Amino acid sequence: MTISIGILGATGYTGAELIRLLHRHPGARITYCSSRQYNGKKISDVLEFLKGSADMVLEEFDAAAIRDRCEAVFSCLPHGASMDFIARIAHPVKVIDLSADFRIRDLAVYRKWYQEHTCPDLLNDAVYGLCEVYRDDIRAARLVANPGCYPTSVLLPLVPLLREGIVEGRDIIVDSKSGVSGAGRGLSLKTHICEVGESFSAYKVGRSHRHVPEIEQELSLAAGHDVAIEFTAHLIPISRGMLSTIYVTSASDEDSLKDCLQRFYRGSPFVRVIDGLPGVKDVRGTNRCVMTVKKNPGSSRATIVSVIDNLTKGASGQAVQCMNLMFGLDEATGLDSVPVFP
């Protein structure tokens, strides 16, 4: 099987990462790439690192051409813009949307954190693309809402623990740090090297980050009741990588918490539960999530540390994993790479 692939918004970081991953995928062939800004140029003239590997010409969005040439489309367009384009190609094309447009099930919540939703009729078709949790649903899906990077790093360790009821769904504190690529490829003063280099800063403190409702939605489903979190994001001066430190309340000991995670992820090729403390170098350039749990025997608080590459497992790698499931392939196809070291 060879899947014909289209990528909308191909010149951003997530689009470029998709091209890198799909280039080595044995069952995928990129047949369409769009870019409004660079329409008519070769993608390798925009992204020099692709020269000799990907030289397709970037095109304007053309729904008829996409439906004719693509079996699957990855949308790497901004939040709010993606839904209108997807509405014009969804069915018969299978779509994986990397924006937030189909992640939030409640329209009022989406409106509060983003904008008016122009395609609410498609929300019921969308499956949340956290592969290790919704694997069977993704296999049957035609529209997948690819999770955000921060939510992926938080949900993978917490969902199993909340489902089993061995951590409390209250007083959850999440302290997450992301590399600068999480801000996107557009020019911005806040991501200028002189602003972020040799620095470490918090942003969106408390409950003001757009990923909060996405995280709380999925944690509440896992727990069976409403879950609210305290979430603070930080920017660290690296290009890619994400580390979340999560503080929870639990009556269970450290071994029981780890055992719960290990049982849940047995057979999942990209999630590892370790005894040591993971760092972002352990996952750089891979679709892996590595996590651990630490607990002081005399305390009711447990600390979870989770690391991913925000561009791979936090975005494009997870999207390819979803595509594999949607087309009946082994979910690890094209994604079984080791971390870049050093």
C-alpha atoms as a PDB file:
ATOM      1  CA  MET A   1       0.000   0.000   0.000  1.00  0.00           C
ATOM      2  CA  THR A   2       1.195   3.498  -0.886  1.00  0.00           C
ATOM      3  CA  ILE A   3      -0.821   6.370   0.580  1.00  0.00           C
ATOM      4  CA  SER A   4      -0.999   9.604  -1.429  1.00  0.00           C
ATOM      5  CA  ILE A   5      -0.399  12.483   0.976  1.00  0.00           C
ATOM      6  CA  GLY A   6      -1.222  16.180   0.938  1.00  0.00           C
ATOM      7  CA  ILE A   7       0.156  18.764   3.380  1.00  0.00           C
ATOM      8  CA  LEU A   8      -1.545  22.126   3.904  1.00  0.00           C
ATOM      9  CA  GLY A   9       0.832  24.761   5.274  1.00  0.00           C
ATOM     10  CA  ALA A  10       3.904  22.755   4.393  1.00  0.00           C
ATOM     11  CA  THR A  11       6.622  25.329   5.159  1.00  0.00           C
ATOM     12  CA  GLY A  12       6.105  25.749   8.908  1.00  0.00           C
ATOM     13  CA  TYR A  13       7.929  23.673  11.489  1.00  0.00           C
ATOM     14  CA  THR A  14       5.233  20.980  11.696  1.00  0.00           C
ATOM     15  CA  GLY A  15       4.945  20.786   7.911  1.00  0.00           C
ATOM     16  CA  ALA A  16       8.707  20.477   7.544  1.00  0.00           C
ATOM     17  CA  GLU A  17       8.794  17.788  10.220  1.00  0.00           C
ATOM     18  CA  LEU A  18       6.054  15.871   8.389  1.00  0.00           C
ATOM     19  CA  ILE A  19       8.083  15.943   5.186  1.00  0.00           C
ATOM     20  CA  ARG A  20      11.148  14.694   7.070  1.00  0.00           C
ATOM     21  CA  LEU A  21       9.186  11.795   8.575  1.00  0.00           C
ATOM     22  CA  LEU A  22       7.219  10.882   5.455  1.00  0.00           C
ATOM     23  CA  HIS A  23      10.391  10.875   3.346  1.00  0.00           C
ATOM     24  CA  ARG A  24      11.469   7.667   5.130  1.00  0.00           C
ATOM     25  CA  HIS A  25       7.969   6.189   5.415  1.00  0.00           C
ATOM     26  CA  PRO A  26       7.764   3.076   3.193  1.00  0.00           C
ATOM     27  CA  GLY A  27       4.022   3.426   2.579  1.00  0.00           C
ATOM     28  CA  ALA A  28       3.611   7.153   1.924  1.00  0.00           C
ATOM     29  CA  ARG A  29       4.104   9.421  -1.074  1.00  0.00           C
ATOM     30  CA  ILE A  30       3.669  13.203  -0.892  1.00  0.00           C
ATOM     31  CA  THR A  31       1.614  14.311  -3.886  1.00  0.00           C
ATOM     32  CA  TYR A  32       0.490  17.800  -2.844  1.00  0.00           C
ATOM     33  CA  CYS A  33       1.902  20.608  -0.711  1.00  0.00           C
ATOM     34  CA  SER A  34       0.310  24.000  -0.267  1.00  0.00           C
ATOM     35  CA  SER A  35       1.675  27.341   0.863  1.00  0.00           C
ATOM     36  CA  ARG A  36      -0.085  30.640   0.279  1.00  0.00           C
ATOM     37  CA  GLN A  37       3.097  32.619   0.984  1.00  0.00           C
ATOM     38  CA  TYR A  38       5.408  30.588  -1.249  1.00  0.00           C
ATOM     39  CA  ASN A  39       2.977  29.455  -3.943  1.00  0.00           C
ATOM     40  CA  GLY A  40       4.820  28.433  -7.134  1.00  0.00           C
ATOM     41  CA  LYS A  41       8.204  27.884  -5.492  1.00  0.00           C
ATOM     42  CA  LYS A  42       9.899  24.567  -4.914  1.00  0.00           C
ATOM     43  CA  ILE A  43       9.706  23.631  -1.255  1.00  0.00           C
ATOM     44  CA  SER A  44      13.449  22.962  -1.278  1.00  0.00           C
ATOM     45  CA  ASP A  45      14.002  26.622  -2.253  1.00  0.00           C
ATOM     46  CA  VAL A  46      12.139  27.635   0.912  1.00  0.00           C
ATOM     47  CA  LEU A  47      13.547  24.913   3.184  1.00  0.00           C
ATOM     48  CA  GLU A  48      17.143  24.383   2.061  1.00  0.00           C
ATOM     49  CA  PHE A  49      17.613  21.235   4.122  1.00  0.00           C
ATOM     50  CA  LEU A  50      15.169  19.417   1.806  1.00  0.00           C
ATOM     51  CA  LYS A  51      17.268  19.879  -1.366  1.00  0.00           C
ATOM     52  CA  GLY A  52      17.728  16.540  -3.067  1.00  0.00           C
ATOM     53  CA  SER A  53      15.080  14.936  -0.883  1.00  0.00           C
ATOM     54  CA  ALA A  54      11.873  16.862  -1.556  1.00  0.00           C
ATOM     55  CA  ASP A  55      11.609  19.186  -4.539  1.00  0.00           C
ATOM     56  CA  MET A  56       7.841  19.397  -5.093  1.00  0.00           C
ATOM     57  CA  VAL A  57       6.335  22.717  -6.145  1.00  0.00           C
ATOM     58  CA  LEU A  58       4.148  24.474  -3.575  1.00  0.00           C
ATOM     59  CA  GLU A  59       0.610  25.149  -4.741  1.00  0.00           C
ATOM     60  CA  GLU A  60      -2.420  27.223  -3.829  1.00  0.00           C
ATOM     61  CA  PHE A  61      -5.197  25.425  -1.997  1.00  0.00           C
ATOM     62  CA  ASP A  62      -7.324  23.588  -4.562  1.00  0.00           C
ATOM     63  CA  ALA A  63     -10.041  21.365  -3.087  1.00  0.00           C
ATOM     64  CA  ALA A  64     -10.732  19.513  -6.344  1.00  0.00           C
ATOM     65  CA  ALA A  65      -7.039  18.765  -6.908  1.00  0.00           C
ATOM     66  CA  ILE A  66      -6.630  17.566  -3.333  1.00  0.00           C
ATOM     67  CA  ARG A  67      -9.613  15.238  -3.584  1.00  0.00           C
ATOM     68  CA  ASP A  68      -8.280  13.890  -6.871  1.00  0.00           C
ATOM     69  CA  ARG A  69      -4.645  13.435  -5.821  1.00  0.00           C
ATOM     70  CA  CYS A  70      -4.713  12.682  -2.079  1.00  0.00           C
ATOM     71  CA  GLU A  71      -6.023   9.904   0.115  1.00  0.00           C
ATOM     72  CA  ALA A  72      -4.874  11.620   3.314  1.00  0.00           C
ATOM     73  CA  VAL A  73      -4.226  15.258   4.145  1.00  0.00           C
ATOM     74  CA  PHE A  74      -2.339  16.782   7.062  1.00  0.00           C
ATOM     75  CA  SER A  75      -3.487  20.306   7.872  1.00  0.00           C
ATOM     76  CA  CYS A  76      -0.720  22.396   9.456  1.00  0.00           C
ATOM     77  CA  LEU A  77      -2.704  25.623   9.167  1.00  0.00           C
ATOM     78  CA  PRO A  78      -3.241  27.998  12.117  1.00  0.00           C
ATOM     79  CA  HIS A  79      -6.027  27.621  14.676  1.00  0.00           C
ATOM     80  CA  GLY A  80      -9.222  29.075  13.278  1.00  0.00           C
ATOM     81  CA  ALA A  81      -8.077  28.851   9.648  1.00  0.00           C
ATOM     82  CA  SER A  82      -7.848  25.095   9.360  1.00  0.00           C
ATOM     83  CA  MET A  83     -11.533  24.204   9.779  1.00  0.00           C
ATOM     84  CA  ASP A  84     -12.803  26.026   6.688  1.00  0.00           C
ATOM     85  CA  PHE A  85     -10.277  24.338   4.406  1.00  0.00           C
ATOM     86  CA  ILE A  86     -10.935  20.940   5.958  1.00  0.00           C
ATOM     87  CA  ALA A  87     -14.680  21.311   5.420  1.00  0.00           C
ATOM     88  CA  ARG A  88     -14.008  21.523   1.670  1.00  0.00           C
ATOM     89  CA  ILE A  89     -11.986  18.290   1.436  1.00  0.00           C
ATOM     90  CA  ALA A  90     -13.193  16.026   4.260  1.00  0.00           C
ATOM     91  CA  HIS A  91     -14.933  12.957   2.840  1.00  0.00           C
ATOM     92  CA  PRO A  92     -13.673  11.149   0.896  1.00  0.00           C
ATOM     93  CA  VAL A  93     -10.202  12.365   1.944  1.00  0.00           C
ATOM     94  CA  LYS A  94      -9.012  11.326   5.419  1.00  0.00           C
ATOM     95  CA  VAL A  95      -7.745  14.328   7.376  1.00  0.00           C
ATOM     96  CA  ILE A  96      -5.397  14.770  10.316  1.00  0.00           C
ATOM     97  CA  ASP A  97      -5.693  18.326  11.632  1.00  0.00           C
ATOM     98  CA  LEU A  98      -2.740  19.637  13.633  1.00  0.00           C
ATOM     99  CA  SER A  99      -4.600  22.770  14.763  1.00  0.00           C
ATOM    100  CA  ALA A 100      -6.966  22.991  17.730  1.00  0.00           C
ATOM    101  CA  ASP A 101     -10.070  23.384  15.564  1.00  0.00           C
ATOM    102  CA  PHE A 102     -11.533  19.936  16.238  1.00  0.00           C
ATOM    103  CA  ARG A 103      -9.967  19.079  19.604  1.00  0.00           C
ATOM    104  CA  ILE A 104     -12.529  20.769  21.841  1.00  0.00           C
ATOM    105  CA  ARG A 105     -15.880  18.984  21.952  1.00  0.00           C
ATOM    106  CA  ASP A 106     -17.839  21.826  23.571  1.00  0.00           C
ATOM    107  CA  LEU A 107     -18.531  24.698  21.155  1.00  0.00           C
ATOM    108  CA  ALA A 108     -18.887  27.230  23.969  1.00  0.00           C
ATOM    109  CA  VAL A 109     -15.476  26.248  25.338  1.00  0.00           C
ATOM    110  CA  TYR A 110     -13.883  26.520  21.895  1.00  0.00           C
ATOM    111  CA  ARG A 111     -15.484  29.947  21.414  1.00  0.00           C
ATOM    112  CA  LYS A 112     -14.164  31.147  24.779  1.00  0.00           C
ATOM    113  CA  TRP A 113     -10.565  30.121  24.138  1.00  0.00           C
ATOM    114  CA  TYR A 114     -10.340  30.552  20.354  1.00  0.00           C
ATOM    115  CA  GLN A 115     -13.161  31.986  18.220  1.00  0.00           C
ATOM    116  CA  GLU A 116     -16.511  31.095  16.657  1.00  0.00           C
ATOM    117  CA  HIS A 117     -16.504  27.620  15.137  1.00  0.00           C
ATOM    118  CA  THR A 118     -17.597  27.728  11.497  1.00  0.00           C
ATOM    119  CA  CYS A 119     -17.905  23.949  10.963  1.00  0.00           C
ATOM    120  CA  PRO A 120     -19.669  22.541  14.033  1.00  0.00           C
ATOM    121  CA  ASP A 121     -21.241  19.772  11.957  1.00  0.00           C
ATOM    122  CA  LEU A 122     -17.803  18.163  11.607  1.00  0.00           C
ATOM    123  CA  LEU A 123     -17.119  18.046  15.343  1.00  0.00           C
ATOM    124  CA  ASN A 124     -19.046  14.797  15.773  1.00  0.00           C
ATOM    125  CA  ASP A 125     -16.849  13.192  13.099  1.00  0.00           C
ATOM    126  CA  ALA A 126     -13.599  14.169  14.802  1.00  0.00           C
ATOM    127  CA  VAL A 127     -11.635  11.721  16.944  1.00  0.00           C
ATOM    128  CA  TYR A 128      -9.041  13.013  19.407  1.00  0.00           C
ATOM    129  CA  GLY A 129      -5.725  11.685  18.128  1.00  0.00           C
ATOM    130  CA  LEU A 130      -3.974  10.559  21.302  1.00  0.00           C
ATOM    131  CA  CYS A 131      -2.988   7.239  19.772  1.00  0.00           C
ATOM    132  CA  GLU A 132      -2.229   5.217  22.893  1.00  0.00           C
ATOM    133  CA  VAL A 133      -5.591   6.153  24.443  1.00  0.00           C
ATOM    134  CA  TYR A 134      -7.943   6.221  21.430  1.00  0.00           C
ATOM    135  CA  ARG A 135      -6.226   3.710  19.149  1.00  0.00           C
ATOM    136  CA  ASP A 136      -9.394   1.839  18.112  1.00  0.00           C
ATOM    137  CA  ASP A 137     -11.383   5.031  17.489  1.00  0.00           C
ATOM    138  CA  ILE A 138      -8.590   6.441  15.326  1.00  0.00           C
ATOM    139  CA  ARG A 139      -8.562   3.289  13.179  1.00  0.00           C
ATOM    140  CA  ALA A 140     -12.171   3.977  12.192  1.00  0.00           C
ATOM    141  CA  ALA A 141     -11.841   7.773  11.874  1.00  0.00           C
ATOM    142  CA  ARG A 142     -11.956   9.979   8.791  1.00  0.00           C
ATOM    143  CA  LEU A 143     -11.100  13.175  10.694  1.00  0.00           C
ATOM    144  CA  VAL A 144      -8.546  13.189  13.505  1.00  0.00           C
ATOM    145  CA  ALA A 145      -7.826  16.138  15.789  1.00  0.00           C
ATOM    146  CA  ASN A 146      -4.127  15.801  16.481  1.00  0.00           C
ATOM    147  CA  PRO A 147      -3.401  16.696  20.142  1.00  0.00           C
ATOM    148  CA  GLY A 148      -1.378  19.718  21.179  1.00  0.00           C
ATOM    149  CA  CYS A 149       2.202  19.280  22.362  1.00  0.00           C
ATOM    150  CA  TYR A 150       1.687  20.305  25.994  1.00  0.00           C
ATOM    151  CA  PRO A 151      -1.453  18.126  26.278  1.00  0.00           C
ATOM    152  CA  THR A 152       0.410  15.099  24.902  1.00  0.00           C
ATOM    153  CA  SER A 153       3.149  15.429  27.522  1.00  0.00           C
ATOM    154  CA  VAL A 154       0.559  15.773  30.299  1.00  0.00           C
ATOM    155  CA  LEU A 155      -2.163  13.353  29.214  1.00  0.00           C
ATOM    156  CA  LEU A 156       0.024  10.334  28.500  1.00  0.00           C
ATOM    157  CA  PRO A 157       1.179  10.005  32.135  1.00  0.00           C
ATOM    158  CA  LEU A 158      -2.078  11.145  33.782  1.00  0.00           C
ATOM    159  CA  VAL A 159      -4.826   9.345  31.824  1.00  0.00           C
ATOM    160  CA  PRO A 160      -3.943   5.819  33.019  1.00  0.00           C
ATOM    161  CA  LEU A 161      -3.592   6.948  36.642  1.00  0.00           C
ATOM    162  CA  LEU A 162      -6.923   8.776  36.624  1.00  0.00           C
ATOM    163  CA  ARG A 163      -8.687   5.899  34.865  1.00  0.00           C
ATOM    164  CA  GLU A 164      -7.510   3.518  37.568  1.00  0.00           C
ATOM    165  CA  GLY A 165      -8.378   6.026  40.289  1.00  0.00           C
ATOM    166  CA  ILE A 166      -5.003   5.913  42.013  1.00  0.00           C
ATOM    167  CA  VAL A 167      -4.365   9.651  41.791  1.00  0.00           C
ATOM    168  CA  GLU A 168      -6.832  12.310  42.857  1.00  0.00           C
ATOM    169  CA  GLY A 169      -8.453  14.516  40.254  1.00  0.00           C
ATOM    170  CA  ARG A 170      -7.883  17.654  42.313  1.00  0.00           C
ATOM    171  CA  ASP A 171      -4.879  19.835  43.108  1.00  0.00           C
ATOM    172  CA  ILE A 172      -3.056  18.736  39.959  1.00  0.00           C
ATOM    173  CA  ILE A 173      -0.239  21.154  39.196  1.00  0.00           C
ATOM    174  CA  VAL A 174       1.520  21.072  35.832  1.00  0.00           C
ATOM    175  CA  ASP A 175       4.785  22.874  35.167  1.00  0.00           C
ATOM    176  CA  SER A 176       5.774  22.499  31.488  1.00  0.00           C
ATOM    177  CA  LYS A 177       8.795  23.720  29.543  1.00  0.00           C
ATOM    178  CA  SER A 178       9.048  23.910  25.757  1.00  0.00           C
ATOM    179  CA  GLY A 179      11.708  24.580  23.190  1.00  0.00           C
ATOM    180  CA  VAL A 180      11.313  27.699  21.032  1.00  0.00           C
ATOM    181  CA  SER A 181       9.995  25.813  17.978  1.00  0.00           C
ATOM    182  CA  GLY A 182       6.703  25.429  19.864  1.00  0.00           C
ATOM    183  CA  ALA A 183       6.010  29.096  19.071  1.00  0.00           C
ATOM    184  CA  GLY A 184       6.027  28.413  15.325  1.00  0.00           C
ATOM    185  CA  ARG A 185       8.239  29.611  12.490  1.00  0.00           C
ATOM    186  CA  GLY A 186       6.821  33.114  12.116  1.00  0.00           C
ATOM    187  CA  LEU A 187       9.022  36.028  13.085  1.00  0.00           C
ATOM    188  CA  SER A 188       8.409  37.231  16.633  1.00  0.00           C
ATOM    189  CA  LEU A 189      10.342  39.344  19.104  1.00  0.00           C
ATOM    190  CA  LYS A 190       9.641  36.880  21.919  1.00  0.00           C
ATOM    191  CA  THR A 191      11.481  34.104  20.051  1.00  0.00           C
ATOM    192  CA  HIS A 192      14.415  36.243  18.887  1.00  0.00           C
ATOM    193  CA  ILE A 193      17.733  34.693  19.984  1.00  0.00           C
ATOM    194  CA  CYS A 194      18.634  37.828  21.935  1.00  0.00           C
ATOM    195  CA  GLU A 195      15.386  37.497  23.907  1.00  0.00           C
ATOM    196  CA  VAL A 196      15.391  33.756  24.652  1.00  0.00           C
ATOM    197  CA  GLY A 197      19.099  32.881  24.613  1.00  0.00           C
ATOM    198  CA  GLU A 198      20.639  32.319  28.055  1.00  0.00           C
ATOM    199  CA  SER A 199      17.230  32.850  29.612  1.00  0.00           C
ATOM    200  CA  PHE A 200      14.344  30.842  31.065  1.00  0.00           C
ATOM    201  CA  SER A 201      10.935  32.436  31.392  1.00  0.00           C
ATOM    202  CA  ALA A 202       7.349  31.584  32.287  1.00  0.00           C
ATOM    203  CA  TYR A 203       4.339  32.581  30.210  1.00  0.00           C
ATOM    204  CA  LYS A 204       0.575  31.966  30.320  1.00  0.00           C
ATOM    205  CA  VAL A 205       0.716  31.469  34.093  1.00  0.00           C
ATOM    206  CA  GLY A 206      -2.152  29.749  35.936  1.00  0.00           C
ATOM    207  CA  ARG A 207      -5.116  28.932  33.726  1.00  0.00           C
ATOM    208  CA  SER A 208      -4.551  31.233  30.764  1.00  0.00           C
ATOM    209  CA  HIS A 209      -2.928  28.892  28.219  1.00  0.00           C
ATOM    210  CA  ARG A 210      -5.151  27.704  25.355  1.00  0.00           C
ATOM    211  CA  HIS A 211      -4.167  24.098  25.990  1.00  0.00           C
ATOM    212  CA  VAL A 212      -5.819  24.084  29.430  1.00  0.00           C
ATOM    213  CA  PRO A 213      -9.361  23.232  28.202  1.00  0.00           C
ATOM    214  CA  GLU A 214      -7.988  20.479  25.976  1.00  0.00           C
ATOM    215  CA  ILE A 215      -6.080  18.922  28.878  1.00  0.00           C
ATOM    216  CA  GLU A 216      -9.013  19.251  31.280  1.00  0.00           C
ATOM    217  CA  GLN A 217     -11.453  17.783  28.760  1.00  0.00           C
ATOM    218  CA  GLU A 218      -9.408  14.605  28.389  1.00  0.00           C
ATOM    219  CA  LEU A 219      -8.515  14.303  32.078  1.00  0.00           C
ATOM    220  CA  SER A 220     -12.194  14.651  33.003  1.00  0.00           C
ATOM    221  CA  LEU A 221     -13.122  11.874  30.575  1.00  0.00           C
ATOM    222  CA  ALA A 222     -10.426   9.654  32.075  1.00  0.00           C
ATOM    223  CA  ALA A 223     -11.474  10.364  35.679  1.00  0.00           C
ATOM    224  CA  GLY A 224     -15.230  10.214  35.063  1.00  0.00           C
ATOM    225  CA  HIS A 225     -15.732  13.609  36.715  1.00  0.00           C
ATOM    226  CA  ASP A 226     -14.631  17.211  36.218  1.00  0.00           C
ATOM    227  CA  VAL A 227     -10.909  17.779  36.645  1.00  0.00           C
ATOM    228  CA  ALA A 228      -9.314  21.227  36.855  1.00  0.00           C
ATOM    229  CA  ILE A 229      -5.561  21.840  36.780  1.00  0.00           C
ATOM    230  CA  GLU A 230      -3.084  24.604  37.457  1.00  0.00           C
ATOM    231  CA  PHE A 231      -0.880  24.926  34.391  1.00  0.00           C
ATOM    232  CA  THR A 232       2.133  27.118  33.715  1.00  0.00           C
ATOM    233  CA  ALA A 233       4.172  27.073  30.513  1.00  0.00           C
ATOM    234  CA  HIS A 234       7.836  28.024  30.249  1.00  0.00           C
ATOM    235  CA  LEU A 235      10.116  28.817  27.327  1.00  0.00           C
ATOM    236  CA  ILE A 236      13.580  27.298  27.404  1.00  0.00           C
ATOM    237  CA  PRO A 237      16.424  28.237  25.025  1.00  0.00           C
ATOM    238  CA  ILE A 238      16.523  25.027  22.966  1.00  0.00           C
ATOM    239  CA  SER A 239      15.090  24.505  19.499  1.00  0.00           C
ATOM    240  CA  ARG A 240      12.969  21.425  20.242  1.00  0.00           C
ATOM    241  CA  GLY A 241      11.958  19.344  23.240  1.00  0.00           C
ATOM    242  CA  MET A 242       9.390  19.481  26.032  1.00  0.00           C
ATOM    243  CA  LEU A 243       9.471  18.469  29.681  1.00  0.00           C
ATOM    244  CA  SER A 244       6.444  18.459  31.972  1.00  0.00           C
ATOM    245  CA  THR A 245       6.705  18.128  35.737  1.00  0.00           C
ATOM    246  CA  ILE A 246       3.332  17.110  37.178  1.00  0.00           C
ATOM    247  CA  TYR A 247       2.413  17.123  40.863  1.00  0.00           C
ATOM    248  CA  VAL A 248      -0.469  14.895  41.985  1.00  0.00           C
ATOM    249  CA  THR A 249      -1.971  13.579  45.222  1.00  0.00           C
ATOM    250  CA  SER A 250      -2.042   9.806  45.691  1.00  0.00           C
ATOM    251  CA  ALA A 251      -2.342   7.275  48.482  1.00  0.00           C
ATOM    252  CA  SER A 252      -0.491   4.709  46.359  1.00  0.00           C
ATOM    253  CA  ASP A 253       3.230   4.104  46.588  1.00  0.00           C
ATOM    254  CA  GLU A 254       5.740   4.767  43.826  1.00  0.00           C
ATOM    255  CA  ASP A 255       5.866   1.146  42.634  1.00  0.00           C
ATOM    256  CA  SER A 256       2.073   0.969  42.279  1.00  0.00           C
ATOM    257  CA  LEU A 257       1.981   4.178  40.245  1.00  0.00           C
ATOM    258  CA  LYS A 258       4.719   2.948  37.916  1.00  0.00           C
ATOM    259  CA  ASP A 259       3.073  -0.452  37.597  1.00  0.00           C
ATOM    260  CA  CYS A 260      -0.175   1.213  36.497  1.00  0.00           C
ATOM    261  CA  LEU A 261       1.644   3.112  33.744  1.00  0.00           C
ATOM    262  CA  GLN A 262       3.648   0.094  32.628  1.00  0.00           C
ATOM    263  CA  ARG A 263       0.540  -2.081  32.354  1.00  0.00           C
ATOM    264  CA  PHE A 264      -1.379   0.567  30.412  1.00  0.00           C
ATOM    265  CA  TYR A 265       1.443   1.098  27.904  1.00  0.00           C
ATOM    266  CA  ARG A 266       2.474  -2.524  27.486  1.00  0.00           C
ATOM    267  CA  GLY A 267       2.542  -3.039  23.729  1.00  0.00           C
ATOM    268  CA  SER A 268       2.729   0.699  22.956  1.00  0.00           C
ATOM    269  CA  PRO A 269       5.945   1.168  20.968  1.00  0.00           C
ATOM    270  CA  PHE A 270       6.531   4.833  21.772  1.00  0.00           C
ATOM    271  CA  VAL A 271       5.915   5.142  25.522  1.00  0.00           C
ATOM    272  CA  ARG A 272       8.541   4.110  28.065  1.00  0.00           C
ATOM    273  CA  VAL A 273       8.322   4.189  31.853  1.00  0.00           C
ATOM    274  CA  ILE A 274      11.765   4.347  33.446  1.00  0.00           C
ATOM    275  CA  ASP A 275      13.244   4.413  36.931  1.00  0.00           C
ATOM    276  CA  GLY A 276      15.612   7.318  36.324  1.00  0.00           C
ATOM    277  CA  LEU A 277      14.852  10.918  35.407  1.00  0.00           C
ATOM    278  CA  PRO A 278      14.331  11.526  31.666  1.00  0.00           C
ATOM    279  CA  GLY A 279      15.662  14.529  29.781  1.00  0.00           C
ATOM    280  CA  VAL A 280      14.645  15.994  26.443  1.00  0.00           C
ATOM    281  CA  LYS A 281      17.822  14.600  24.851  1.00  0.00           C
ATOM    282  CA  ASP A 282      16.346  11.132  25.398  1.00  0.00           C
ATOM    283  CA  VAL A 283      13.600  11.801  22.843  1.00  0.00           C
ATOM    284  CA  ARG A 284      15.037  14.393  20.454  1.00  0.00           C
ATOM    285  CA  GLY A 285      13.850  13.756  16.889  1.00  0.00           C
ATOM    286  CA  THR A 286      11.712  10.749  17.894  1.00  0.00           C
ATOM    287  CA  ASN A 287       8.050   9.894  18.413  1.00  0.00           C
ATOM    288  CA  ARG A 288       8.764   8.712  21.959  1.00  0.00           C
ATOM    289  CA  CYS A 289       7.386   9.782  25.303  1.00  0.00           C
ATOM    290  CA  VAL A 290       9.540   8.833  28.290  1.00  0.00           C
ATOM    291  CA  MET A 291       8.196   9.242  31.822  1.00  0.00           C
ATOM    292  CA  THR A 292       8.825   8.399  35.438  1.00  0.00           C
ATOM    293  CA  VAL A 293       7.142   8.771  38.836  1.00  0.00           C
ATOM    294  CA  LYS A 294       8.840   9.694  42.113  1.00  0.00           C
ATOM    295  CA  LYS A 295       7.229   9.677  45.553  1.00  0.00           C
ATOM    296  CA  ASN A 296       8.481  10.389  49.042  1.00  0.00           C
ATOM    297  CA  PRO A 297       7.180   7.511  51.221  1.00  0.00           C
ATOM    298  CA  GLY A 298       6.169  10.008  53.902  1.00  0.00           C
ATOM    299  CA  SER A 299       4.182  12.253  51.559  1.00  0.00           C
ATOM    300  CA  SER A 300       0.844  12.088  49.784  1.00  0.00           C
ATOM    301  CA  ARG A 301       2.298  13.969  46.816  1.00  0.00           C
ATOM    302  CA  ALA A 302       3.837  12.249  43.795  1.00  0.00           C
ATOM    303  CA  THR A 303       5.896  13.885  41.067  1.00  0.00           C
ATOM    304  CA  ILE A 304       5.695  12.753  37.454  1.00  0.00           C
ATOM    305  CA  VAL A 305       8.259  13.787  34.842  1.00  0.00           C
ATOM    306  CA  SER A 306       7.389  13.371  31.176  1.00  0.00           C
ATOM    307  CA  VAL A 307       9.446  14.276  28.085  1.00  0.00           C
ATOM    308  CA  ILE A 308       8.628  14.432  24.380  1.00  0.00           C
ATOM    309  CA  ASP A 309       9.938  16.134  21.271  1.00  0.00           C
ATOM    310  CA  ASN A 310       7.311  18.846  20.763  1.00  0.00           C
ATOM    311  CA  LEU A 311       7.620  18.684  16.963  1.00  0.00           C
ATOM    312  CA  THR A 312       7.467  14.894  16.704  1.00  0.00           C
ATOM    313  CA  LYS A 313       5.401  13.141  19.377  1.00  0.00           C
ATOM    314  CA  GLY A 314       3.926  16.553  20.193  1.00  0.00           C
ATOM    315  CA  ALA A 315       2.841  17.209  16.595  1.00  0.00           C
ATOM    316  CA  SER A 316       3.967  15.642  13.313  1.00  0.00           C
ATOM    317  CA  GLY A 317       5.132  12.238  14.554  1.00  0.00           C
ATOM    318  CA  GLN A 318       1.876  11.661  16.367  1.00  0.00           C
ATOM    319  CA  ALA A 319       0.023  12.757  13.209  1.00  0.00           C
ATOM    320  CA  VAL A 320       1.873  10.119  11.161  1.00  0.00           C
ATOM    321  CA  GLN A 321       1.116   7.563  13.876  1.00  0.00           C
ATOM    322  CA  CYS A 322      -2.579   8.471  13.495  1.00  0.00           C
ATOM    323  CA  MET A 323      -2.332   8.102   9.714  1.00  0.00           C
ATOM    324  CA  ASN A 324      -0.820   4.645  10.116  1.00  0.00           C
ATOM    325  CA  LEU A 325      -3.734   3.561  12.290  1.00  0.00           C
ATOM    326  CA  MET A 326      -6.307   5.096   9.928  1.00  0.00           C
ATOM    327  CA  PHE A 327      -4.936   3.096   6.993  1.00  0.00           C
ATOM    328  CA  GLY A 328      -4.472  -0.212   8.811  1.00  0.00           C
ATOM    329  CA  LEU A 329      -0.681  -0.040   9.027  1.00  0.00           C
ATOM    330  CA  ASP A 330       1.454  -0.872  12.028  1.00  0.00           C
ATOM    331  CA  GLU A 331       1.395   2.346  14.057  1.00  0.00           C
ATOM    332  CA  ALA A 332       5.193   2.476  14.237  1.00  0.00           C
ATOM    333  CA  THR A 333       5.697   2.411  10.456  1.00  0.00           C
ATOM    334  CA  GLY A 334       8.202   5.073   9.432  1.00  0.00           C
ATOM    335  CA  LEU A 335       8.607   6.283  13.014  1.00  0.00           C
ATOM    336  CA  ASP A 336      11.019   3.825  14.608  1.00  0.00           C
ATOM    337  CA  SER A 337      14.011   6.146  14.952  1.00  0.00           C
ATOM    338  CA  VAL A 338      16.523   6.537  17.771  1.00  0.00           C
ATOM    339  CA  PRO A 339      17.163   9.945  19.386  1.00  0.00           C
ATOM    340  CA  VAL A 340      19.660  12.349  17.885  1.00  0.00           C
ATOM    341  CA  PHE A 341      22.732  12.315  20.138  1.00  0.00           C
ATOM    342  CA  PRO A 342      24.451  14.370  21.415  1.00  0.00           C
END
